[in-house]
Amino acid sequence: MAAENTENIPQEEESQFDIESHEFLIPKKEVGPPPEIIPKWEKSQAYQDLVGFILAMNNAVKGKKITADSTMSPTVTQLIKLLETLDSWIAEFPPIDQPQRFGNAAFRDWFNKLQQNAKQLIEDMLEDKYKKSSEEIAVYLVESFGNQTRIDYGTGHEMAFAAFLFCFYKIGVLTESDAEAVVLKVFNR
């Protein structure tokens, strides 16, 4: 893909697919240890779309400071509020007094709350016609915040957050005009 690719960001008046007839599915992990799985992923349309999205987001903020003012659409504002809600939950789960070699076990309780509420958080920010996508999108939101068992966080979780944001482009609630704010405000937050 060319570095200037913006084809994976829906245009203002262009729809990626018919939201009314699309069948949303709960994502399942298919990237794993067998060596043939990675090449299969790299040849998929989903991979091409996600890489194109990341390149387009990069292009949207080239030469801009992270502190630059950006126009925030209602959806971008709602995404920021969603992240603020998740942040506010931290106070409900203070760190447990434990040896600190790894992450604090209180994270598991916070993560449980995220799992239980992710679908509703997404539904609350979507118009009725998009709500049927919330269960699928919720998986990417939950996967964005680390591993509940290992209490760790890595690049795969960051990629899940990129996929979470991309879902909003795919269904049409974010558009090309949101790209700068998505990176500078939402992803930065």
C-alpha atoms as a PDB file:
ATOM      1  CA  MET A   1       0.000   0.000   0.000  1.00  0.00           C
ATOM      2  CA  ALA A   2       1.175   3.434  -0.790  1.00  0.00           C
ATOM      3  CA  ALA A   3       1.938   5.711   2.127  1.00  0.00           C
ATOM      4  CA  GLU A   4      -0.585   8.231   0.782  1.00  0.00           C
ATOM      5  CA  ASN A   5      -3.435   5.692   0.873  1.00  0.00           C
ATOM      6  CA  THR A   6      -6.648   7.114   2.283  1.00  0.00           C
ATOM      7  CA  GLU A   7      -9.015   4.707   0.567  1.00  0.00           C
ATOM      8  CA  ASN A   8      -9.676   2.869   3.827  1.00  0.00           C
ATOM      9  CA  ILE A   9     -11.222   5.904   5.455  1.00  0.00           C
ATOM     10  CA  PRO A  10     -14.817   6.235   4.309  1.00  0.00           C
ATOM     11  CA  GLN A  11     -15.505   9.482   2.501  1.00  0.00           C
ATOM     12  CA  GLU A  12     -18.025  11.901   3.970  1.00  0.00           C
ATOM     13  CA  GLU A  13     -20.972  10.663   1.933  1.00  0.00           C
ATOM     14  CA  GLU A  14     -19.809   7.162   1.054  1.00  0.00           C
ATOM     15  CA  SER A  15     -20.921   4.061   2.945  1.00  0.00           C
ATOM     16  CA  GLN A  16     -18.667   1.020   3.251  1.00  0.00           C
ATOM     17  CA  PHE A  17     -21.603  -1.380   3.291  1.00  0.00           C
ATOM     18  CA  ASP A  18     -25.297  -1.542   4.004  1.00  0.00           C
ATOM     19  CA  ILE A  19     -25.518  -1.319   7.787  1.00  0.00           C
ATOM     20  CA  GLU A  20     -29.092  -2.578   7.725  1.00  0.00           C
ATOM     21  CA  SER A  21     -28.282  -5.892   6.017  1.00  0.00           C
ATOM     22  CA  HIS A  22     -24.767  -6.505   7.355  1.00  0.00           C
ATOM     23  CA  GLU A  23     -24.403  -9.438   9.725  1.00  0.00           C
ATOM     24  CA  PHE A  24     -22.107  -8.573  12.615  1.00  0.00           C
ATOM     25  CA  LEU A  25     -20.147 -11.392  14.259  1.00  0.00           C
ATOM     26  CA  ILE A  26     -18.307 -11.653  17.520  1.00  0.00           C
ATOM     27  CA  PRO A  27     -14.619 -11.639  16.527  1.00  0.00           C
ATOM     28  CA  LYS A  28     -12.531 -14.656  17.377  1.00  0.00           C
ATOM     29  CA  LYS A  29      -8.781 -14.927  17.578  1.00  0.00           C
ATOM     30  CA  GLU A  30      -7.262 -16.735  14.655  1.00  0.00           C
ATOM     31  CA  VAL A  31      -3.692 -15.499  14.789  1.00  0.00           C
ATOM     32  CA  GLY A  32      -1.692 -18.024  16.746  1.00  0.00           C
ATOM     33  CA  PRO A  33       1.375 -20.227  16.817  1.00  0.00           C
ATOM     34  CA  PRO A  34       1.028 -22.245  13.602  1.00  0.00           C
ATOM     35  CA  PRO A  35       3.292 -20.659  10.981  1.00  0.00           C
ATOM     36  CA  GLU A  36       0.628 -20.699   8.265  1.00  0.00           C
ATOM     37  CA  ILE A  37      -1.752 -18.399  10.157  1.00  0.00           C
ATOM     38  CA  ILE A  38       0.299 -15.180   9.898  1.00  0.00           C
ATOM     39  CA  PRO A  39       0.623 -15.365   6.085  1.00  0.00           C
ATOM     40  CA  LYS A  40      -3.124 -16.075   5.864  1.00  0.00           C
ATOM     41  CA  TRP A  41      -3.815 -12.928   7.930  1.00  0.00           C
ATOM     42  CA  GLU A  42      -1.415 -10.830   5.850  1.00  0.00           C
ATOM     43  CA  LYS A  43      -3.260 -11.851   2.663  1.00  0.00           C
ATOM     44  CA  SER A  44      -6.706 -11.052   4.031  1.00  0.00           C
ATOM     45  CA  GLN A  45      -8.839  -8.049   3.136  1.00  0.00           C
ATOM     46  CA  ALA A  46      -9.168  -7.252   6.844  1.00  0.00           C
ATOM     47  CA  TYR A  47      -5.390  -6.920   7.120  1.00  0.00           C
ATOM     48  CA  GLN A  48      -5.220  -4.699   4.043  1.00  0.00           C
ATOM     49  CA  ASP A  49      -8.035  -2.519   5.381  1.00  0.00           C
ATOM     50  CA  LEU A  50      -6.493  -2.197   8.843  1.00  0.00           C
ATOM     51  CA  VAL A  51      -3.032  -1.362   7.507  1.00  0.00           C
ATOM     52  CA  GLY A  52      -4.577   1.140   5.104  1.00  0.00           C
ATOM     53  CA  PHE A  53      -6.466   2.704   8.002  1.00  0.00           C
ATOM     54  CA  ILE A  54      -3.293   3.043  10.082  1.00  0.00           C
ATOM     55  CA  LEU A  55      -1.442   4.623   7.149  1.00  0.00           C
ATOM     56  CA  ALA A  56      -4.336   7.012   6.536  1.00  0.00           C
ATOM     57  CA  MET A  57      -4.397   8.016  10.218  1.00  0.00           C
ATOM     58  CA  ASN A  58      -0.663   8.619  10.044  1.00  0.00           C
ATOM     59  CA  ASN A  59      -1.071  10.825   6.977  1.00  0.00           C
ATOM     60  CA  ALA A  60      -3.830  12.816   8.663  1.00  0.00           C
ATOM     61  CA  VAL A  61      -1.452  14.007  11.383  1.00  0.00           C
ATOM     62  CA  LYS A  62       1.854  14.306   9.545  1.00  0.00           C
ATOM     63  CA  GLY A  63       3.543  17.528  10.562  1.00  0.00           C
ATOM     64  CA  LYS A  64       1.030  18.235  13.332  1.00  0.00           C
ATOM     65  CA  LYS A  65       1.813  18.572  17.019  1.00  0.00           C
ATOM     66  CA  ILE A  66      -0.034  16.318  19.440  1.00  0.00           C
ATOM     67  CA  THR A  67      -1.371  19.510  21.052  1.00  0.00           C
ATOM     68  CA  ALA A  68      -2.822  20.871  17.790  1.00  0.00           C
ATOM     69  CA  ASP A  69      -6.459  21.924  17.868  1.00  0.00           C
ATOM     70  CA  SER A  70      -8.764  19.541  16.044  1.00  0.00           C
ATOM     71  CA  THR A  71     -12.410  19.750  15.164  1.00  0.00           C
ATOM     72  CA  MET A  72     -14.242  17.161  17.207  1.00  0.00           C
ATOM     73  CA  SER A  73     -17.394  15.625  15.763  1.00  0.00           C
ATOM     74  CA  PRO A  74     -20.061  14.307  18.134  1.00  0.00           C
ATOM     75  CA  THR A  75     -18.700  10.763  17.679  1.00  0.00           C
ATOM     76  CA  VAL A  76     -15.150  11.827  18.541  1.00  0.00           C
ATOM     77  CA  THR A  77     -16.516  13.627  21.609  1.00  0.00           C
ATOM     78  CA  GLN A  78     -18.412  10.480  22.617  1.00  0.00           C
ATOM     79  CA  LEU A  79     -15.273   8.359  22.214  1.00  0.00           C
ATOM     80  CA  ILE A  80     -13.403  10.737  24.521  1.00  0.00           C
ATOM     81  CA  LYS A  81     -16.247  10.487  27.057  1.00  0.00           C
ATOM     82  CA  LEU A  82     -16.136   6.685  26.831  1.00  0.00           C
ATOM     83  CA  LEU A  83     -12.420   6.754  27.661  1.00  0.00           C
ATOM     84  CA  GLU A  84     -13.050   9.190  30.507  1.00  0.00           C
ATOM     85  CA  THR A  85     -15.663   6.796  31.896  1.00  0.00           C
ATOM     86  CA  LEU A  86     -13.161   3.940  31.831  1.00  0.00           C
ATOM     87  CA  ASP A  87     -10.620   6.176  33.526  1.00  0.00           C
ATOM     88  CA  SER A  88     -13.113   7.117  36.249  1.00  0.00           C
ATOM     89  CA  TRP A  89     -13.592   3.453  37.127  1.00  0.00           C
ATOM     90  CA  ILE A  90      -9.991   3.255  38.333  1.00  0.00           C
ATOM     91  CA  ALA A  91     -11.002   4.924  41.615  1.00  0.00           C
ATOM     92  CA  GLU A  92     -13.410   2.023  42.272  1.00  0.00           C
ATOM     93  CA  PHE A  93     -10.556  -0.478  42.232  1.00  0.00           C
ATOM     94  CA  PRO A  94      -7.636   0.813  44.309  1.00  0.00           C
ATOM     95  CA  PRO A  95      -4.389  -1.120  44.057  1.00  0.00           C
ATOM     96  CA  ILE A  96      -4.190  -4.234  46.196  1.00  0.00           C
ATOM     97  CA  ASP A  97      -1.289  -4.402  48.644  1.00  0.00           C
ATOM     98  CA  GLN A  98       0.843  -7.072  46.972  1.00  0.00           C
ATOM     99  CA  PRO A  99       4.364  -7.639  45.721  1.00  0.00           C
ATOM    100  CA  GLN A 100       4.661  -5.505  42.590  1.00  0.00           C
ATOM    101  CA  ARG A 101       6.730  -7.671  40.277  1.00  0.00           C
ATOM    102  CA  PHE A 102       3.877  -7.617  37.752  1.00  0.00           C
ATOM    103  CA  GLY A 103       0.663  -5.621  37.391  1.00  0.00           C
ATOM    104  CA  ASN A 104      -1.673  -5.132  40.305  1.00  0.00           C
ATOM    105  CA  ALA A 105      -4.408  -7.748  40.725  1.00  0.00           C
ATOM    106  CA  ALA A 106      -7.015  -4.980  41.183  1.00  0.00           C
ATOM    107  CA  PHE A 107      -6.794  -4.584  37.408  1.00  0.00           C
ATOM    108  CA  ARG A 108      -8.746  -7.832  37.067  1.00  0.00           C
ATOM    109  CA  ASP A 109     -11.748  -6.301  38.827  1.00  0.00           C
ATOM    110  CA  TRP A 110     -11.565  -3.195  36.620  1.00  0.00           C
ATOM    111  CA  PHE A 111     -11.276  -5.457  33.567  1.00  0.00           C
ATOM    112  CA  ASN A 112     -14.333  -7.477  34.672  1.00  0.00           C
ATOM    113  CA  LYS A 113     -16.333  -4.261  34.826  1.00  0.00           C
ATOM    114  CA  LEU A 114     -15.133  -3.376  31.320  1.00  0.00           C
ATOM    115  CA  GLN A 115     -16.166  -6.796  29.998  1.00  0.00           C
ATOM    116  CA  GLN A 116     -19.603  -6.490  31.585  1.00  0.00           C
ATOM    117  CA  ASN A 117     -20.229  -2.947  30.316  1.00  0.00           C
ATOM    118  CA  ALA A 118     -18.394  -2.630  26.977  1.00  0.00           C
ATOM    119  CA  LYS A 119     -21.361  -3.442  24.754  1.00  0.00           C
ATOM    120  CA  GLN A 120     -23.629  -1.008  26.597  1.00  0.00           C
ATOM    121  CA  LEU A 121     -21.001   1.750  26.529  1.00  0.00           C
ATOM    122  CA  ILE A 122     -20.804   1.428  22.762  1.00  0.00           C
ATOM    123  CA  GLU A 123     -24.567   1.174  22.303  1.00  0.00           C
ATOM    124  CA  ASP A 124     -24.984   4.354  24.334  1.00  0.00           C
ATOM    125  CA  MET A 125     -22.923   6.316  21.852  1.00  0.00           C
ATOM    126  CA  LEU A 126     -24.500   4.960  18.658  1.00  0.00           C
ATOM    127  CA  GLU A 127     -27.675   5.863  16.831  1.00  0.00           C
ATOM    128  CA  ASP A 128     -30.232   3.047  16.660  1.00  0.00           C
ATOM    129  CA  LYS A 129     -29.284   1.925  13.151  1.00  0.00           C
ATOM    130  CA  TYR A 130     -25.694   1.225  14.301  1.00  0.00           C
ATOM    131  CA  LYS A 131     -26.444  -0.458  17.638  1.00  0.00           C
ATOM    132  CA  LYS A 132     -26.380  -3.979  16.182  1.00  0.00           C
ATOM    133  CA  SER A 133     -22.632  -3.528  15.632  1.00  0.00           C
ATOM    134  CA  SER A 134     -21.954  -2.914  19.326  1.00  0.00           C
ATOM    135  CA  GLU A 135     -21.341  -6.530  20.350  1.00  0.00           C
ATOM    136  CA  GLU A 136     -18.686  -6.972  17.664  1.00  0.00           C
ATOM    137  CA  ILE A 137     -17.046  -3.613  18.373  1.00  0.00           C
ATOM    138  CA  ALA A 138     -17.069  -4.304  22.137  1.00  0.00           C
ATOM    139  CA  VAL A 139     -14.632  -7.191  21.673  1.00  0.00           C
ATOM    140  CA  TYR A 140     -12.031  -4.818  20.231  1.00  0.00           C
ATOM    141  CA  LEU A 141     -12.596  -2.327  23.040  1.00  0.00           C
ATOM    142  CA  VAL A 142     -12.072  -4.984  25.708  1.00  0.00           C
ATOM    143  CA  GLU A 143      -8.997  -6.373  23.948  1.00  0.00           C
ATOM    144  CA  SER A 144      -7.538  -2.854  23.895  1.00  0.00           C
ATOM    145  CA  PHE A 145      -6.860  -2.803  27.606  1.00  0.00           C
ATOM    146  CA  GLY A 146      -4.539  -5.710  28.196  1.00  0.00           C
ATOM    147  CA  ASN A 147      -4.732  -9.273  29.381  1.00  0.00           C
ATOM    148  CA  GLN A 148      -6.791  -9.960  32.469  1.00  0.00           C
ATOM    149  CA  THR A 149      -4.946 -13.159  33.376  1.00  0.00           C
ATOM    150  CA  ARG A 150      -1.357 -12.057  32.835  1.00  0.00           C
ATOM    151  CA  ILE A 151      -2.076  -8.425  33.777  1.00  0.00           C
ATOM    152  CA  ASP A 152       0.039  -7.203  30.912  1.00  0.00           C
ATOM    153  CA  TYR A 153      -0.233  -4.860  27.970  1.00  0.00           C
ATOM    154  CA  GLY A 154       1.514  -4.921  24.630  1.00  0.00           C
ATOM    155  CA  THR A 155       1.452  -4.043  20.964  1.00  0.00           C
ATOM    156  CA  GLY A 156      -1.364  -6.483  20.240  1.00  0.00           C
ATOM    157  CA  HIS A 157      -3.568  -4.534  22.628  1.00  0.00           C
ATOM    158  CA  GLU A 158      -2.637  -1.283  20.915  1.00  0.00           C
ATOM    159  CA  MET A 159      -3.550  -2.911  17.603  1.00  0.00           C
ATOM    160  CA  ALA A 160      -6.905  -3.934  19.083  1.00  0.00           C
ATOM    161  CA  PHE A 161      -7.531  -0.268  19.928  1.00  0.00           C
ATOM    162  CA  ALA A 162      -6.698   0.713  16.357  1.00  0.00           C
ATOM    163  CA  ALA A 163      -9.157  -1.953  15.173  1.00  0.00           C
ATOM    164  CA  PHE A 164     -11.745  -0.610  17.640  1.00  0.00           C
ATOM    165  CA  LEU A 165     -11.439   2.846  16.111  1.00  0.00           C
ATOM    166  CA  PHE A 166     -11.455   1.430  12.592  1.00  0.00           C
ATOM    167  CA  CYS A 167     -14.790  -0.266  13.288  1.00  0.00           C
ATOM    168  CA  PHE A 168     -16.393   3.166  13.669  1.00  0.00           C
ATOM    169  CA  TYR A 169     -15.087   4.093  10.225  1.00  0.00           C
ATOM    170  CA  LYS A 170     -16.303   0.846   8.709  1.00  0.00           C
ATOM    171  CA  ILE A 171     -19.865   1.361   9.942  1.00  0.00           C
ATOM    172  CA  GLY A 172     -19.801   5.020   8.907  1.00  0.00           C
ATOM    173  CA  VAL A 173     -20.061   6.902  12.200  1.00  0.00           C
ATOM    174  CA  LEU A 174     -16.550   8.299  11.787  1.00  0.00           C
ATOM    175  CA  THR A 175     -15.469   9.792   8.475  1.00  0.00           C
ATOM    176  CA  GLU A 176     -12.363  11.150   6.812  1.00  0.00           C
ATOM    177  CA  SER A 177     -12.931  14.554   8.414  1.00  0.00           C
ATOM    178  CA  ASP A 178     -12.523  12.914  11.855  1.00  0.00           C
ATOM    179  CA  ALA A 179      -9.072  11.453  11.158  1.00  0.00           C
ATOM    180  CA  GLU A 180      -6.986  14.199  12.749  1.00  0.00           C
ATOM    181  CA  ALA A 181      -9.075  14.298  15.936  1.00  0.00           C
ATOM    182  CA  VAL A 182      -9.176  10.495  16.139  1.00  0.00           C
ATOM    183  CA  VAL A 183      -5.386  10.418  16.349  1.00  0.00           C
ATOM    184  CA  LEU A 184      -4.632  13.635  18.239  1.00  0.00           C
ATOM    185  CA  LYS A 185      -7.514  13.408  20.707  1.00  0.00           C
ATOM    186  CA  VAL A 186      -8.892   9.867  20.965  1.00  0.00           C
ATOM    187  CA  PHE A 187      -5.817   7.725  20.365  1.00  0.00           C
ATOM    188  CA  ASN A 188      -3.684  10.094  22.402  1.00  0.00           C
ATOM    189  CA  ARG A 189      -6.199   9.970  25.258  1.00  0.00           C
END
